[in-house]
Amino acid sequence: MRGRIRAVGGLQGRVIIPLVLGVTGLGLFAFFPYTTGYGEVRRSVLEMVSRFWRGEPDWQHGMLVPPDCLFSHLASS
């Protein structure tokens, strides 16, 4: 193993690094407020989705999508 630097090894390195990058990216996407659509007030994507889910009858069925995806993923594993 000459000349190789081993920062994180084996399976842990293949899981931890993408997990940290994914959570960081999702956190920035969900919580960082920026202008969505054409509104004058800056809102995060998470705030916009929660407003749609709670206030719009056509969007309320979207609350079932994340748990359904998780259940489908766990059932197929």
Protein backbone atom coordinates (compact mmCIF):
# COMPACT_ATOMS: atom_id res chain seq x y z
CA MET A 1 0.00 0.00 0.00
CA ARG A 2 2.77 2.41 -0.75
CA GLY A 3 1.81 5.81 -2.04
CA ARG A 4 -1.87 5.49 -1.14
CA ILE A 5 -3.55 7.57 1.49
CA ARG A 6 -6.43 5.78 3.09
CA ALA A 7 -8.71 8.35 4.75
CA VAL A 8 -11.83 6.28 5.17
CA GLY A 9 -11.64 2.62 4.35
CA GLY A 10 -13.85 -0.13 3.05
CA LEU A 11 -17.61 -0.02 3.11
CA GLN A 12 -17.69 2.87 5.58
CA GLY A 13 -16.01 5.19 3.09
CA ARG A 14 -18.36 4.21 0.31
CA VAL A 15 -21.39 4.88 2.50
CA ILE A 16 -20.42 7.77 4.76
CA ILE A 17 -19.09 10.20 2.16
CA PRO A 18 -22.11 10.06 -0.22
CA LEU A 19 -24.45 10.12 2.78
CA VAL A 20 -22.85 13.28 4.18
CA LEU A 21 -22.83 14.96 0.77
CA GLY A 22 -26.45 13.97 0.13
CA VAL A 23 -27.70 15.19 3.50
CA THR A 24 -25.78 18.45 3.10
CA GLY A 25 -27.18 19.04 -0.39
CA LEU A 26 -30.71 18.17 0.65
CA GLY A 27 -30.43 20.41 3.72
CA LEU A 28 -29.28 23.36 1.63
CA PHE A 29 -32.01 22.70 -0.92
CA ALA A 30 -34.77 22.33 1.68
CA PHE A 31 -33.87 24.94 4.29
CA PHE A 32 -31.95 27.70 2.45
CA PRO A 33 -34.45 30.43 1.52
CA TYR A 34 -34.34 31.72 -2.00
CA THR A 35 -36.91 33.06 -4.42
CA THR A 36 -39.09 30.23 -5.65
CA GLY A 37 -41.44 31.05 -8.47
CA TYR A 38 -42.29 34.68 -8.97
CA GLY A 39 -42.94 35.73 -5.39
CA GLU A 40 -41.28 38.71 -3.75
CA VAL A 41 -40.66 36.91 -0.45
CA ARG A 42 -37.79 34.45 -0.24
CA ARG A 43 -38.93 31.01 0.91
CA SER A 44 -37.26 27.65 1.12
CA VAL A 45 -38.50 24.69 -0.86
CA LEU A 46 -39.51 22.94 2.36
CA GLU A 47 -41.67 25.91 3.37
CA MET A 48 -43.31 26.07 -0.05
CA VAL A 49 -44.09 22.34 -0.06
CA SER A 50 -45.49 22.45 3.47
CA ARG A 51 -47.73 25.39 2.52
CA PHE A 52 -49.04 23.47 -0.49
CA TRP A 53 -49.58 20.30 1.53
CA ARG A 54 -51.48 22.05 4.29
CA GLY A 55 -53.43 24.66 2.38
CA GLU A 56 -54.21 23.30 -1.08
CA PRO A 57 -56.72 20.43 -1.31
CA ASP A 58 -55.23 19.27 -4.61
CA TRP A 59 -51.77 18.91 -3.05
CA GLN A 60 -52.73 17.22 0.23
CA HIS A 61 -52.35 13.75 -1.26
CA GLY A 62 -48.65 14.59 -1.69
CA MET A 63 -48.15 14.10 2.05
CA LEU A 64 -48.42 10.36 1.46
CA VAL A 65 -45.67 10.20 -1.15
CA PRO A 66 -42.57 10.23 1.14
CA PRO A 67 -43.87 7.52 3.52
CA ASP A 68 -45.07 5.48 0.56
CA CYS A 69 -41.66 5.69 -1.12
CA LEU A 70 -39.94 4.66 2.11
CA PHE A 71 -42.32 1.72 2.58
CA SER A 72 -41.85 0.61 -1.04
CA HIS A 73 -38.08 0.82 -0.72
CA LEU A 74 -38.02 -1.16 2.53
CA ALA A 75 -40.46 -3.75 1.22
CA SER A 76 -38.36 -4.38 -1.89
CA SER A 77 -35.13 -4.86 0.08
